[in-house]
Amino acid sequence: MATVILVGVLALVVGGCVCVVWAARGGPRWVRAVSAVTLAAGGMVRASKGSGRGGGQRGDSDD
């Protein structure tokens, strides 16, 4: 059952990425809507990772 859920989530992620690329090339209105939702979800994930322990920063060495 968990495998089916993970495959479904993966399909949604891949579909969202396809819509982002398609919308950048001037796709139909529904593709631009899915693209906006995908980008908003990505922004929320990025924001939640940054507010956790350690701030999500790695490699703070002086090169």
PDB file of N, CA and C in Angstrom:
ATOM      1  N   MET A   1       0.822  -1.196   0.000  1.00  0.00           N
ATOM      2  CA  MET A   1       0.000   0.000   0.000  1.00  0.00           C
ATOM      3  C   MET A   1       0.868   1.264   0.000  1.00  0.00           C
ATOM      4  N   ALA A   2       1.941   1.241   0.796  1.00  0.00           N
ATOM      5  CA  ALA A   2       2.830   2.398   0.848  1.00  0.00           C
ATOM      6  C   ALA A   2       3.497   2.623  -0.512  1.00  0.00           C
ATOM      7  N   THR A   3       3.783   1.536  -1.205  1.00  0.00           N
ATOM      8  CA  THR A   3       4.410   1.663  -2.525  1.00  0.00           C
ATOM      9  C   THR A   3       3.478   2.371  -3.500  1.00  0.00           C
ATOM     10  N   VAL A   4       2.204   2.042  -3.445  1.00  0.00           N
ATOM     11  CA  VAL A   4       1.224   2.682  -4.329  1.00  0.00           C
ATOM     12  C   VAL A   4       1.146   4.175  -4.042  1.00  0.00           C
ATOM     13  N   ILE A   5       1.174   4.543  -2.772  1.00  0.00           N
ATOM     14  CA  ILE A   5       1.123   5.966  -2.402  1.00  0.00           C
ATOM     15  C   ILE A   5       2.381   6.684  -2.876  1.00  0.00           C
ATOM     16  N   LEU A   6       3.542   6.068  -2.684  1.00  0.00           N
ATOM     17  CA  LEU A   6       4.791   6.690  -3.125  1.00  0.00           C
ATOM     18  C   LEU A   6       4.846   6.841  -4.641  1.00  0.00           C
ATOM     19  N   VAL A   7       4.352   5.851  -5.362  1.00  0.00           N
ATOM     20  CA  VAL A   7       4.315   5.945  -6.829  1.00  0.00           C
ATOM     21  C   VAL A   7       3.372   7.069  -7.251  1.00  0.00           C
ATOM     22  N   GLY A   8       2.250   7.216  -6.552  1.00  0.00           N
ATOM     23  CA  GLY A   8       1.319   8.307  -6.856  1.00  0.00           C
ATOM     24  C   GLY A   8       1.932   9.671  -6.611  1.00  0.00           C
ATOM     25  N   VAL A   9       2.637   9.813  -5.490  1.00  0.00           N
ATOM     26  CA  VAL A   9       3.298  11.085  -5.190  1.00  0.00           C
ATOM     27  C   VAL A   9       4.380  11.376  -6.227  1.00  0.00           C
ATOM     28  N   LEU A  10       5.131  10.365  -6.603  1.00  0.00           N
ATOM     29  CA  LEU A  10       6.170  10.546  -7.619  1.00  0.00           C
ATOM     30  C   LEU A  10       5.561  10.976  -8.949  1.00  0.00           C
ATOM     31  N   ALA A  11       4.434  10.380  -9.314  1.00  0.00           N
ATOM     32  CA  ALA A  11       3.761  10.760 -10.558  1.00  0.00           C
ATOM     33  C   ALA A  11       3.302  12.216 -10.509  1.00  0.00           C
ATOM     34  N   LEU A  12       2.792  12.655  -9.355  1.00  0.00           N
ATOM     35  CA  LEU A  12       2.379  14.053  -9.224  1.00  0.00           C
ATOM     36  C   LEU A  12       3.568  15.006  -9.326  1.00  0.00           C
ATOM     37  N   VAL A  13       4.684  14.637  -8.730  1.00  0.00           N
ATOM     38  CA  VAL A  13       5.881  15.483  -8.780  1.00  0.00           C
ATOM     39  C   VAL A  13       6.402  15.594 -10.214  1.00  0.00           C
ATOM     40  N   VAL A  14       6.503  14.462 -10.882  1.00  0.00           N
ATOM     41  CA  VAL A  14       6.990  14.473 -12.269  1.00  0.00           C
ATOM     42  C   VAL A  14       6.025  15.251 -13.164  1.00  0.00           C
ATOM     43  N   GLY A  15       4.733  15.038 -12.970  1.00  0.00           N
ATOM     44  CA  GLY A  15       3.749  15.788 -13.757  1.00  0.00           C
ATOM     45  C   GLY A  15       3.840  17.280 -13.508  1.00  0.00           C
ATOM     46  N   GLY A  16       4.061  17.668 -12.260  1.00  0.00           N
ATOM     47  CA  GLY A  16       4.216  19.085 -11.947  1.00  0.00           C
ATOM     48  C   GLY A  16       5.443  19.685 -12.605  1.00  0.00           C
ATOM     49  N   CYS A  17       6.533  18.934 -12.609  1.00  0.00           N
ATOM     50  CA  CYS A  17       7.757  19.422 -13.268  1.00  0.00           C
ATOM     51  C   CYS A  17       7.556  19.575 -14.772  1.00  0.00           C
ATOM     52  N   VAL A  18       6.859  18.627 -15.363  1.00  0.00           N
ATOM     53  CA  VAL A  18       6.563  18.718 -16.799  1.00  0.00           C
ATOM     54  C   VAL A  18       5.721  19.957 -17.084  1.00  0.00           C
ATOM     55  N   CYS A  19       4.757  20.226 -16.215  1.00  0.00           N
ATOM     56  CA  CYS A  19       3.911  21.401 -16.417  1.00  0.00           C
ATOM     57  C   CYS A  19       4.692  22.702 -16.266  1.00  0.00           C
ATOM     58  N   VAL A  20       5.656  22.732 -15.364  1.00  0.00           N
ATOM     59  CA  VAL A  20       6.477  23.943 -15.197  1.00  0.00           C
ATOM     60  C   VAL A  20       7.257  24.217 -16.479  1.00  0.00           C
ATOM     61  N   VAL A  21       7.860  23.184 -17.044  1.00  0.00           N
ATOM     62  CA  VAL A  21       8.630  23.357 -18.278  1.00  0.00           C
ATOM     63  C   VAL A  21       7.709  23.743 -19.427  1.00  0.00           C
ATOM     64  N   TRP A  22       6.560  23.085 -19.522  1.00  0.00           N
ATOM     65  CA  TRP A  22       5.616  23.357 -20.601  1.00  0.00           C
ATOM     66  C   TRP A  22       5.073  24.782 -20.493  1.00  0.00           C
ATOM     67  N   ALA A  23       4.773  25.235 -19.271  1.00  0.00           N
ATOM     68  CA  ALA A  23       4.259  26.588 -19.075  1.00  0.00           C
ATOM     69  C   ALA A  23       5.316  27.626 -19.438  1.00  0.00           C
ATOM     70  N   ALA A  24       6.579  27.317 -19.177  1.00  0.00           N
ATOM     71  CA  ALA A  24       7.648  28.249 -19.542  1.00  0.00           C
ATOM     72  C   ALA A  24       7.740  28.419 -21.053  1.00  0.00           C
ATOM     73  N   ARG A  25       7.279  27.415 -21.780  1.00  0.00           N
ATOM     74  CA  ARG A  25       7.293  27.484 -23.237  1.00  0.00           C
ATOM     75  C   ARG A  25       5.965  27.965 -23.805  1.00  0.00           C
ATOM     76  N   GLY A  26       5.044  28.375 -22.935  1.00  0.00           N
ATOM     77  CA  GLY A  26       3.791  28.951 -23.401  1.00  0.00           C
ATOM     78  C   GLY A  26       2.679  27.936 -23.567  1.00  0.00           C
ATOM     79  N   GLY A  27       2.449  27.119 -22.579  1.00  0.00           N
ATOM     80  CA  GLY A  27       1.404  26.107 -22.649  1.00  0.00           C
ATOM     81  C   GLY A  27       0.015  26.686 -22.424  1.00  0.00           C
ATOM     82  N   PRO A  28      -0.992  25.817 -22.432  1.00  0.00           N
ATOM     83  CA  PRO A  28      -2.372  26.268 -22.202  1.00  0.00           C
ATOM     84  C   PRO A  28      -2.591  26.763 -20.773  1.00  0.00           C
ATOM     85  N   ARG A  29      -3.762  27.337 -20.537  1.00  0.00           N
ATOM     86  CA  ARG A  29      -4.056  27.953 -19.249  1.00  0.00           C
ATOM     87  C   ARG A  29      -3.990  26.952 -18.096  1.00  0.00           C
ATOM     88  N   TRP A  30      -4.493  25.737 -18.293  1.00  0.00           N
ATOM     89  CA  TRP A  30      -4.488  24.759 -17.205  1.00  0.00           C
ATOM     90  C   TRP A  30      -3.066  24.344 -16.836  1.00  0.00           C
ATOM     91  N   VAL A  31      -2.166  24.344 -17.819  1.00  0.00           N
ATOM     92  CA  VAL A  31      -0.767  24.004 -17.535  1.00  0.00           C
ATOM     93  C   VAL A  31      -0.119  25.108 -16.707  1.00  0.00           C
ATOM     94  N   ARG A  32      -0.452  26.345 -17.024  1.00  0.00           N
ATOM     95  CA  ARG A  32       0.094  27.455 -16.234  1.00  0.00           C
ATOM     96  C   ARG A  32      -0.436  27.428 -14.808  1.00  0.00           C
ATOM     97  N   ALA A  33      -1.685  26.991 -14.627  1.00  0.00           N
ATOM     98  CA  ALA A  33      -2.254  26.882 -13.283  1.00  0.00           C
ATOM     99  C   ALA A  33      -1.556  25.781 -12.476  1.00  0.00           C
ATOM    100  N   VAL A  34      -1.359  24.627 -13.098  1.00  0.00           N
ATOM    101  CA  VAL A  34      -0.657  23.531 -12.418  1.00  0.00           C
ATOM    102  C   VAL A  34       0.775  23.937 -12.121  1.00  0.00           C
ATOM    103  N   SER A  35       1.382  24.668 -13.033  1.00  0.00           N
ATOM    104  CA  SER A  35       2.750  25.143 -12.827  1.00  0.00           C
ATOM    105  C   SER A  35       2.828  26.084 -11.628  1.00  0.00           C
ATOM    106  N   ALA A  36       1.862  26.977 -11.504  1.00  0.00           N
ATOM    107  CA  ALA A  36       1.852  27.909 -10.380  1.00  0.00           C
ATOM    108  C   ALA A  36       1.693  27.168  -9.057  1.00  0.00           C
ATOM    109  N   VAL A  37       0.826  26.154  -9.032  1.00  0.00           N
ATOM    110  CA  VAL A  37       0.639  25.361  -7.812  1.00  0.00           C
ATOM    111  C   VAL A  37       1.923  24.614  -7.470  1.00  0.00           C
ATOM    112  N   THR A  38       2.586  24.046  -8.490  1.00  0.00           N
ATOM    113  CA  THR A  38       3.820  23.302  -8.269  1.00  0.00           C
ATOM    114  C   THR A  38       4.915  24.212  -7.718  1.00  0.00           C
ATOM    115  N   LEU A  39       5.065  25.386  -8.303  1.00  0.00           N
ATOM    116  CA  LEU A  39       6.090  26.316  -7.835  1.00  0.00           C
ATOM    117  C   LEU A  39       5.786  26.816  -6.421  1.00  0.00           C
ATOM    118  N   ALA A  40       4.507  27.031  -6.109  1.00  0.00           N
ATOM    119  CA  ALA A  40       4.134  27.461  -4.764  1.00  0.00           C
ATOM    120  C   ALA A  40       4.436  26.354  -3.751  1.00  0.00           C
ATOM    121  N   ALA A  41       4.136  25.113  -4.099  1.00  0.00           N
ATOM    122  CA  ALA A  41       4.425  23.994  -3.196  1.00  0.00           C
ATOM    123  C   ALA A  41       5.931  23.860  -2.985  1.00  0.00           C
ATOM    124  N   GLY A  42       6.705  24.033  -4.043  1.00  0.00           N
ATOM    125  CA  GLY A  42       8.161  23.983  -3.913  1.00  0.00           C
ATOM    126  C   GLY A  42       8.690  25.093  -3.022  1.00  0.00           C
ATOM    127  N   GLY A  43       8.109  26.270  -3.137  1.00  0.00           N
ATOM    128  CA  GLY A  43       8.512  27.382  -2.284  1.00  0.00           C
ATOM    129  C   GLY A  43       8.189  27.125  -0.823  1.00  0.00           C
ATOM    130  N   MET A  44       7.033  26.501  -0.557  1.00  0.00           N
ATOM    131  CA  MET A  44       6.673  26.179   0.825  1.00  0.00           C
ATOM    132  C   MET A  44       7.610  25.125   1.405  1.00  0.00           C
ATOM    133  N   VAL A  45       7.980  24.136   0.604  1.00  0.00           N
ATOM    134  CA  VAL A  45       8.914  23.111   1.067  1.00  0.00           C
ATOM    135  C   VAL A  45      10.268  23.734   1.362  1.00  0.00           C
ATOM    136  N   ARG A  46      10.719  24.608   0.466  1.00  0.00           N
ATOM    137  CA  ARG A  46      12.000  25.276   0.662  1.00  0.00           C
ATOM    138  C   ARG A  46      11.985  26.131   1.922  1.00  0.00           C
ATOM    139  N   ALA A  47      10.883  26.826   2.174  1.00  0.00           N
ATOM    140  CA  ALA A  47      10.775  27.681   3.359  1.00  0.00           C
ATOM    141  C   ALA A  47      10.740  26.842   4.627  1.00  0.00           C
ATOM    142  N   SER A  48      10.080  25.703   4.580  1.00  0.00           N
ATOM    143  CA  SER A  48      10.006  24.865   5.779  1.00  0.00           C
ATOM    144  C   SER A  48      11.341  24.200   6.079  1.00  0.00           C
ATOM    145  N   LYS A  49      12.120  23.900   5.061  1.00  0.00           N
ATOM    146  CA  LYS A  49      13.445  23.325   5.291  1.00  0.00           C
ATOM    147  C   LYS A  49      14.374  24.361   5.897  1.00  0.00           C
ATOM    148  N   GLY A  50      14.230  25.606   5.531  1.00  0.00           N
ATOM    149  CA  GLY A  50      15.113  26.652   6.032  1.00  0.00           C
ATOM    150  C   GLY A  50      14.842  27.026   7.476  1.00  0.00           C
ATOM    151  N   SER A  51      13.635  26.736   7.969  1.00  0.00           N
ATOM    152  CA  SER A  51      13.304  27.134   9.331  1.00  0.00           C
ATOM    153  C   SER A  51      13.587  26.036  10.344  1.00  0.00           C
ATOM    154  N   GLY A  52      14.121  24.906   9.916  1.00  0.00           N
ATOM    155  CA  GLY A  52      14.409  23.804  10.824  1.00  0.00           C
ATOM    156  C   GLY A  52      15.731  23.982  11.535  1.00  0.00           C
ATOM    157  N   ARG A  53      16.155  22.927  12.250  1.00  0.00           N
ATOM    158  CA  ARG A  53      17.422  22.979  12.973  1.00  0.00           C
ATOM    159  C   ARG A  53      18.575  23.157  11.993  1.00  0.00           C
ATOM    160  N   GLY A  54      19.474  24.023  12.310  1.00  0.00           N
ATOM    161  CA  GLY A  54      20.657  24.225  11.483  1.00  0.00           C
ATOM    162  C   GLY A  54      20.421  25.089  10.271  1.00  0.00           C
ATOM    163  N   GLY A  55      19.189  25.430   9.987  1.00  0.00           N
ATOM    164  CA  GLY A  55      18.886  26.318   8.870  1.00  0.00           C
ATOM    165  C   GLY A  55      19.077  25.693   7.509  1.00  0.00           C
ATOM    166  N   GLY A  56      19.421  24.425   7.433  1.00  0.00           N
ATOM    167  CA  GLY A  56      19.573  23.773   6.150  1.00  0.00           C
ATOM    168  C   GLY A  56      20.814  24.175   5.385  1.00  0.00           C
ATOM    169  N   GLN A  57      21.715  24.897   6.019  1.00  0.00           N
ATOM    170  CA  GLN A  57      22.932  25.345   5.352  1.00  0.00           C
ATOM    171  C   GLN A  57      24.032  24.306   5.528  1.00  0.00           C
ATOM    172  N   ARG A  58      24.722  24.014   4.458  1.00  0.00           N
ATOM    173  CA  ARG A  58      25.845  23.092   4.513  1.00  0.00           C
ATOM    174  C   ARG A  58      27.034  23.710   3.808  1.00  0.00           C
ATOM    175  N   GLY A  59      28.183  23.265   4.176  1.00  0.00           N
ATOM    176  CA  GLY A  59      29.394  23.700   3.470  1.00  0.00           C
ATOM    177  C   GLY A  59      29.742  25.150   3.748  1.00  0.00           C
ATOM    178  N   ASP A  60      29.706  25.571   5.000  1.00  0.00           N
ATOM    179  CA  ASP A  60      30.034  26.945   5.346  1.00  0.00           C
ATOM    180  C   ASP A  60      31.532  27.144   5.537  1.00  0.00           C
ATOM    181  N   SER A  61      32.335  26.442   4.773  1.00  0.00           N
ATOM    182  CA  SER A  61      33.784  26.584   4.900  1.00  0.00           C
ATOM    183  C   SER A  61      34.269  27.755   4.052  1.00  0.00           C
ATOM    184  N   ASP A  62      35.371  28.340   4.444  1.00  0.00           N
ATOM    185  CA  ASP A  62      35.961  29.441   3.694  1.00  0.00           C
ATOM    186  C   ASP A  62      36.947  28.887   2.680  1.00  0.00           C
ATOM    187  N   ASP A  63      36.561  28.899   1.422  1.00  0.00           N
ATOM    188  CA  ASP A  63      37.458  28.400   0.355  1.00  0.00           C
ATOM    189  C   ASP A  63      38.144  29.539  -0.342  1.00  0.00           C
TER     190      ASP A  63
END
